[in-house]
Amino acid sequence: MPGPSKHDEPITLAQFLKVVQVAETGGHAKALVREGRATVNGEVDERPGRKLARGDVVAIDGKTFTVDR
């Protein structure tokens, strides 16, 4: 039986912004979050390390994304 895949691991808000290509680097992603530009499920979250769950809705600079992992 295979073990957990990488897609089963939680992803942080900053990592997610890199994956969806909103941020070019990890430092850029962290800065965007700390500036209060990202929302998670409609609420501003300034924690780059916030763990996201499948179904969370992330919005930043007029773009909206749904976490699918």
PDB file of N, CA and C in Angstrom:
ATOM      1  N   MET A   1       0.853  -1.177   0.000  1.00  0.00           N
ATOM      2  CA  MET A   1       0.000   0.000   0.000  1.00  0.00           C
ATOM      3  C   MET A   1       0.898   1.240   0.000  1.00  0.00           C
ATOM      4  N   PRO A   2       0.669   2.179  -0.913  1.00  0.00           N
ATOM      5  CA  PRO A   2       1.521   3.369  -0.966  1.00  0.00           C
ATOM      6  C   PRO A   2       1.300   4.272   0.236  1.00  0.00           C
ATOM      7  N   GLY A   3       2.344   4.994   0.598  1.00  0.00           N
ATOM      8  CA  GLY A   3       2.254   5.943   1.704  1.00  0.00           C
ATOM      9  C   GLY A   3       1.602   7.235   1.259  1.00  0.00           C
ATOM     10  N   PRO A   4       1.532   8.193   2.164  1.00  0.00           N
ATOM     11  CA  PRO A   4       0.912   9.465   1.819  1.00  0.00           C
ATOM     12  C   PRO A   4       1.695  10.158   0.699  1.00  0.00           C
ATOM     13  N   SER A   5       0.977  10.814  -0.173  1.00  0.00           N
ATOM     14  CA  SER A   5       1.631  11.539  -1.259  1.00  0.00           C
ATOM     15  C   SER A   5       1.905  12.967  -0.823  1.00  0.00           C
ATOM     16  N   LYS A   6       2.715  13.656  -1.608  1.00  0.00           N
ATOM     17  CA  LYS A   6       3.026  15.058  -1.317  1.00  0.00           C
ATOM     18  C   LYS A   6       1.748  15.888  -1.316  1.00  0.00           C
ATOM     19  N   HIS A   7       0.747  15.474  -2.090  1.00  0.00           N
ATOM     20  CA  HIS A   7      -0.507  16.219  -2.156  1.00  0.00           C
ATOM     21  C   HIS A   7      -1.334  16.080  -0.886  1.00  0.00           C
ATOM     22  N   ASP A   8      -0.963  15.146  -0.010  1.00  0.00           N
ATOM     23  CA  ASP A   8      -1.673  14.990   1.253  1.00  0.00           C
ATOM     24  C   ASP A   8      -1.098  15.900   2.331  1.00  0.00           C
ATOM     25  N   GLU A   9       0.070  16.468   2.090  1.00  0.00           N
ATOM     26  CA  GLU A   9       0.705  17.330   3.079  1.00  0.00           C
ATOM     27  C   GLU A   9       0.066  18.711   3.044  1.00  0.00           C
ATOM     28  N   PRO A  10      -0.066  19.350   4.214  1.00  0.00           N
ATOM     29  CA  PRO A  10      -0.625  20.702   4.219  1.00  0.00           C
ATOM     30  C   PRO A  10       0.298  21.667   3.472  1.00  0.00           C
ATOM     31  N   ILE A  11      -0.278  22.714   2.956  1.00  0.00           N
ATOM     32  CA  ILE A  11       0.494  23.744   2.275  1.00  0.00           C
ATOM     33  C   ILE A  11       0.269  25.052   3.027  1.00  0.00           C
ATOM     34  N   THR A  12       1.314  25.848   3.135  1.00  0.00           N
ATOM     35  CA  THR A  12       1.170  27.132   3.825  1.00  0.00           C
ATOM     36  C   THR A  12       0.636  28.179   2.851  1.00  0.00           C
ATOM     37  N   LEU A  13       0.140  29.257   3.411  1.00  0.00           N
ATOM     38  CA  LEU A  13      -0.381  30.353   2.600  1.00  0.00           C
ATOM     39  C   LEU A  13       0.696  30.895   1.670  1.00  0.00           C
ATOM     40  N   ALA A  14       1.901  31.100   2.181  1.00  0.00           N
ATOM     41  CA  ALA A  14       2.991  31.618   1.345  1.00  0.00           C
ATOM     42  C   ALA A  14       3.343  30.630   0.237  1.00  0.00           C
ATOM     43  N   GLN A  15       3.420  29.340   0.560  1.00  0.00           N
ATOM     44  CA  GLN A  15       3.718  28.333  -0.465  1.00  0.00           C
ATOM     45  C   GLN A  15       2.639  28.325  -1.541  1.00  0.00           C
ATOM     46  N   PHE A  16       1.404  28.448  -1.119  1.00  0.00           N
ATOM     47  CA  PHE A  16       0.288  28.432  -2.059  1.00  0.00           C
ATOM     48  C   PHE A  16       0.385  29.603  -3.036  1.00  0.00           C
ATOM     49  N   LEU A  17       0.766  30.779  -2.548  1.00  0.00           N
ATOM     50  CA  LEU A  17       0.886  31.945  -3.426  1.00  0.00           C
ATOM     51  C   LEU A  17       1.966  31.734  -4.484  1.00  0.00           C
ATOM     52  N   LYS A  18       3.001  30.983  -4.130  1.00  0.00           N
ATOM     53  CA  LYS A  18       4.021  30.636  -5.125  1.00  0.00           C
ATOM     54  C   LYS A  18       3.464  29.636  -6.141  1.00  0.00           C
ATOM     55  N   VAL A  19       2.744  28.637  -5.666  1.00  0.00           N
ATOM     56  CA  VAL A  19       2.204  27.599  -6.550  1.00  0.00           C
ATOM     57  C   VAL A  19       1.263  28.205  -7.595  1.00  0.00           C
ATOM     58  N   VAL A  20       0.424  29.166  -7.180  1.00  0.00           N
ATOM     59  CA  VAL A  20      -0.528  29.770  -8.114  1.00  0.00           C
ATOM     60  C   VAL A  20       0.093  30.941  -8.874  1.00  0.00           C
ATOM     61  N   GLN A  21       1.390  31.124  -8.692  1.00  0.00           N
ATOM     62  CA  GLN A  21       2.187  32.104  -9.420  1.00  0.00           C
ATOM     63  C   GLN A  21       1.775  33.554  -9.172  1.00  0.00           C
ATOM     64  N   VAL A  22       1.304  33.819  -7.951  1.00  0.00           N
ATOM     65  CA  VAL A  22       1.045  35.200  -7.548  1.00  0.00           C
ATOM     66  C   VAL A  22       2.348  35.820  -7.062  1.00  0.00           C
ATOM     67  N   ALA A  23       3.198  35.000  -6.449  1.00  0.00           N
ATOM     68  CA  ALA A  23       4.486  35.454  -5.933  1.00  0.00           C
ATOM     69  C   ALA A  23       5.604  34.729  -6.663  1.00  0.00           C
ATOM     70  N   GLU A  24       6.690  35.463  -6.916  1.00  0.00           N
ATOM     71  CA  GLU A  24       7.828  34.887  -7.633  1.00  0.00           C
ATOM     72  C   GLU A  24       8.756  34.089  -6.721  1.00  0.00           C
ATOM     73  N   THR A  25       8.858  34.510  -5.464  1.00  0.00           N
ATOM     74  CA  THR A  25       9.746  33.846  -4.514  1.00  0.00           C
ATOM     75  C   THR A  25       9.025  33.685  -3.185  1.00  0.00           C
ATOM     76  N   GLY A  26       9.632  32.869  -2.312  1.00  0.00           N
ATOM     77  CA  GLY A  26       9.063  32.711  -0.978  1.00  0.00           C
ATOM     78  C   GLY A  26       9.060  34.019  -0.200  1.00  0.00           C
ATOM     79  N   GLY A  27      10.135  34.786  -0.353  1.00  0.00           N
ATOM     80  CA  GLY A  27      10.209  36.082   0.332  1.00  0.00           C
ATOM     81  C   GLY A  27       9.140  37.045  -0.154  1.00  0.00           C
ATOM     82  N   HIS A  28       8.897  37.034  -1.455  1.00  0.00           N
ATOM     83  CA  HIS A  28       7.850  37.884  -2.034  1.00  0.00           C
ATOM     84  C   HIS A  28       6.485  37.458  -1.497  1.00  0.00           C
ATOM     85  N   ALA A  29       6.235  36.149  -1.430  1.00  0.00           N
ATOM     86  CA  ALA A  29       4.965  35.635  -0.924  1.00  0.00           C
ATOM     87  C   ALA A  29       4.759  36.045   0.530  1.00  0.00           C
ATOM     88  N   LYS A  30       5.791  35.900   1.342  1.00  0.00           N
ATOM     89  CA  LYS A  30       5.680  36.275   2.756  1.00  0.00           C
ATOM     90  C   LYS A  30       5.393  37.758   2.908  1.00  0.00           C
ATOM     91  N   ALA A  31       6.043  38.591   2.087  1.00  0.00           N
ATOM     92  CA  ALA A  31       5.818  40.042   2.154  1.00  0.00           C
ATOM     93  C   ALA A  31       4.373  40.378   1.794  1.00  0.00           C
ATOM     94  N   LEU A  32       3.843  39.747   0.753  1.00  0.00           N
ATOM     95  CA  LEU A  32       2.453  40.004   0.361  1.00  0.00           C
ATOM     96  C   LEU A  32       1.496  39.683   1.502  1.00  0.00           C
ATOM     97  N   VAL A  33       1.735  38.551   2.143  1.00  0.00           N
ATOM     98  CA  VAL A  33       0.860  38.133   3.239  1.00  0.00           C
ATOM     99  C   VAL A  33       0.996  39.084   4.427  1.00  0.00           C
ATOM    100  N   ARG A  34       2.216  39.425   4.799  1.00  0.00           N
ATOM    101  CA  ARG A  34       2.436  40.314   5.956  1.00  0.00           C
ATOM    102  C   ARG A  34       1.890  41.716   5.723  1.00  0.00           C
ATOM    103  N   GLU A  35       1.766  42.116   4.451  1.00  0.00           N
ATOM    104  CA  GLU A  35       1.170  43.417   4.118  1.00  0.00           C
ATOM    105  C   GLU A  35      -0.352  43.389   4.235  1.00  0.00           C
ATOM    106  N   GLY A  36      -0.924  42.229   4.516  1.00  0.00           N
ATOM    107  CA  GLY A  36      -2.370  42.111   4.681  1.00  0.00           C
ATOM    108  C   GLY A  36      -3.127  42.058   3.368  1.00  0.00           C
ATOM    109  N   ARG A  37      -2.459  41.653   2.302  1.00  0.00           N
ATOM    110  CA  ARG A  37      -3.093  41.646   0.980  1.00  0.00           C
ATOM    111  C   ARG A  37      -3.837  40.354   0.677  1.00  0.00           C
ATOM    112  N   ALA A  38      -3.656  39.327   1.487  1.00  0.00           N
ATOM    113  CA  ALA A  38      -4.307  38.039   1.233  1.00  0.00           C
ATOM    114  C   ALA A  38      -5.438  37.796   2.218  1.00  0.00           C
ATOM    115  N   THR A  39      -6.498  37.189   1.710  1.00  0.00           N
ATOM    116  CA  THR A  39      -7.568  36.729   2.593  1.00  0.00           C
ATOM    117  C   THR A  39      -7.710  35.228   2.441  1.00  0.00           C
ATOM    118  N   VAL A  40      -8.119  34.597   3.531  1.00  0.00           N
ATOM    119  CA  VAL A  40      -8.422  33.168   3.522  1.00  0.00           C
ATOM    120  C   VAL A  40      -9.854  33.034   4.025  1.00  0.00           C
ATOM    121  N   ASN A  41     -10.698  32.491   3.181  1.00  0.00           N
ATOM    122  CA  ASN A  41     -12.123  32.330   3.512  1.00  0.00           C
ATOM    123  C   ASN A  41     -12.747  33.655   3.947  1.00  0.00           C
ATOM    124  N   GLY A  42     -12.358  34.729   3.239  1.00  0.00           N
ATOM    125  CA  GLY A  42     -12.960  36.040   3.464  1.00  0.00           C
ATOM    126  C   GLY A  42     -12.350  36.876   4.565  1.00  0.00           C
ATOM    127  N   GLU A  43     -11.350  36.364   5.269  1.00  0.00           N
ATOM    128  CA  GLU A  43     -10.728  37.110   6.363  1.00  0.00           C
ATOM    129  C   GLU A  43      -9.254  37.343   6.085  1.00  0.00           C
ATOM    130  N   VAL A  44      -8.795  38.574   6.330  1.00  0.00           N
ATOM    131  CA  VAL A  44      -7.379  38.888   6.145  1.00  0.00           C
ATOM    132  C   VAL A  44      -6.560  38.017   7.087  1.00  0.00           C
ATOM    133  N   ASP A  45      -5.506  37.427   6.564  1.00  0.00           N
ATOM    134  CA  ASP A  45      -4.604  36.620   7.385  1.00  0.00           C
ATOM    135  C   ASP A  45      -3.177  37.039   7.066  1.00  0.00           C
ATOM    136  N   GLU A  46      -2.462  37.534   8.060  1.00  0.00           N
ATOM    137  CA  GLU A  46      -1.097  38.037   7.882  1.00  0.00           C
ATOM    138  C   GLU A  46      -0.040  37.020   8.307  1.00  0.00           C
ATOM    139  N   ARG A  47      -0.423  35.738   8.354  1.00  0.00           N
ATOM    140  CA  ARG A  47       0.501  34.679   8.767  1.00  0.00           C
ATOM    141  C   ARG A  47       0.927  33.863   7.552  1.00  0.00           C
ATOM    142  N   PRO A  48       2.150  34.082   7.050  1.00  0.00           N
ATOM    143  CA  PRO A  48       2.600  33.331   5.883  1.00  0.00           C
ATOM    144  C   PRO A  48       2.606  31.822   6.111  1.00  0.00           C
ATOM    145  N   GLY A  49       2.778  31.391   7.358  1.00  0.00           N
ATOM    146  CA  GLY A  49       2.850  29.972   7.677  1.00  0.00           C
ATOM    147  C   GLY A  49       1.511  29.323   7.950  1.00  0.00           C
ATOM    148  N   ARG A  50       0.432  30.060   7.768  1.00  0.00           N
ATOM    149  CA  ARG A  50      -0.889  29.491   8.013  1.00  0.00           C
ATOM    150  C   ARG A  50      -1.095  28.264   7.129  1.00  0.00           C
ATOM    151  N   LYS A  51      -1.511  27.183   7.727  1.00  0.00           N
ATOM    152  CA  LYS A  51      -1.775  25.936   6.995  1.00  0.00           C
ATOM    153  C   LYS A  51      -3.142  26.042   6.318  1.00  0.00           C
ATOM    154  N   LEU A  52      -3.171  25.728   5.051  1.00  0.00           N
ATOM    155  CA  LEU A  52      -4.419  25.743   4.304  1.00  0.00           C
ATOM    156  C   LEU A  52      -4.958  24.329   4.176  1.00  0.00           C
ATOM    157  N   ALA A  53      -6.267  24.229   4.086  1.00  0.00           N
ATOM    158  CA  ALA A  53      -6.930  22.937   3.931  1.00  0.00           C
ATOM    159  C   ALA A  53      -7.671  22.913   2.598  1.00  0.00           C
ATOM    160  N   ARG A  54      -7.919  21.709   2.114  1.00  0.00           N
ATOM    161  CA  ARG A  54      -8.687  21.543   0.879  1.00  0.00           C
ATOM    162  C   ARG A  54     -10.004  22.319   1.012  1.00  0.00           C
ATOM    163  N   GLY A  55     -10.319  23.112   0.004  1.00  0.00           N
ATOM    164  CA  GLY A  55     -11.562  23.877   0.006  1.00  0.00           C
ATOM    165  C   GLY A  55     -11.414  25.305   0.495  1.00  0.00           C
ATOM    166  N   ASP A  56     -10.288  25.642   1.146  1.00  0.00           N
ATOM    167  CA  ASP A  56     -10.076  27.031   1.559  1.00  0.00           C
ATOM    168  C   ASP A  56     -10.047  27.919   0.322  1.00  0.00           C
ATOM    169  N   VAL A  57     -10.566  29.125   0.469  1.00  0.00           N
ATOM    170  CA  VAL A  57     -10.593  30.088  -0.628  1.00  0.00           C
ATOM    171  C   VAL A  57      -9.620  31.212  -0.288  1.00  0.00           C
ATOM    172  N   VAL A  58      -8.634  31.399  -1.157  1.00  0.00           N
ATOM    173  CA  VAL A  58      -7.607  32.416  -0.969  1.00  0.00           C
ATOM    174  C   VAL A  58      -7.817  33.497  -2.025  1.00  0.00           C
ATOM    175  N   ALA A  59      -7.841  34.757  -1.589  1.00  0.00           N
ATOM    176  CA  ALA A  59      -7.973  35.870  -2.525  1.00  0.00           C
ATOM    177  C   ALA A  59      -6.830  36.844  -2.291  1.00  0.00           C
ATOM    178  N   ILE A  60      -6.319  37.399  -3.393  1.00  0.00           N
ATOM    179  CA  ILE A  60      -5.259  38.396  -3.315  1.00  0.00           C
ATOM    180  C   ILE A  60      -5.279  39.226  -4.594  1.00  0.00           C
ATOM    181  N   ASP A  61      -5.235  40.521  -4.426  1.00  0.00           N
ATOM    182  CA  ASP A  61      -5.176  41.453  -5.556  1.00  0.00           C
ATOM    183  C   ASP A  61      -6.219  41.162  -6.623  1.00  0.00           C
ATOM    184  N   GLY A  62      -7.454  40.909  -6.196  1.00  0.00           N
ATOM    185  CA  GLY A  62      -8.559  40.714  -7.128  1.00  0.00           C
ATOM    186  C   GLY A  62      -8.639  39.330  -7.751  1.00  0.00           C
ATOM    187  N   LYS A  63      -7.740  38.427  -7.374  1.00  0.00           N
ATOM    188  CA  LYS A  63      -7.762  37.054  -7.892  1.00  0.00           C
ATOM    189  C   LYS A  63      -8.183  36.114  -6.776  1.00  0.00           C
ATOM    190  N   THR A  64      -8.970  35.119  -7.110  1.00  0.00           N
ATOM    191  CA  THR A  64      -9.464  34.158  -6.120  1.00  0.00           C
ATOM    192  C   THR A  64      -9.068  32.741  -6.551  1.00  0.00           C
ATOM    193  N   PHE A  65      -8.629  31.968  -5.556  1.00  0.00           N
ATOM    194  CA  PHE A  65      -8.185  30.598  -5.796  1.00  0.00           C
ATOM    195  C   PHE A  65      -8.781  29.693  -4.722  1.00  0.00           C
ATOM    196  N   THR A  66      -9.055  28.447  -5.087  1.00  0.00           N
ATOM    197  CA  THR A  66      -9.536  27.455  -4.134  1.00  0.00           C
ATOM    198  C   THR A  66      -8.461  26.388  -3.977  1.00  0.00           C
ATOM    199  N   VAL A  67      -8.141  26.068  -2.729  1.00  0.00           N
ATOM    200  CA  VAL A  67      -7.127  25.048  -2.443  1.00  0.00           C
ATOM    201  C   VAL A  67      -7.728  23.690  -2.778  1.00  0.00           C
ATOM    202  N   ASP A  68      -7.009  22.920  -3.605  1.00  0.00           N
ATOM    203  CA  ASP A  68      -7.543  21.621  -4.016  1.00  0.00           C
ATOM    204  C   ASP A  68      -6.687  20.463  -3.534  1.00  0.00           C
ATOM    205  N   ARG A  69      -5.849  20.736  -2.530  1.00  0.00           N
ATOM    206  CA  ARG A  69      -5.046  19.641  -1.975  1.00  0.00           C
ATOM    207  C   ARG A  69      -5.006  19.699  -0.490  1.00  0.00           C
TER     208      ARG A  69
END
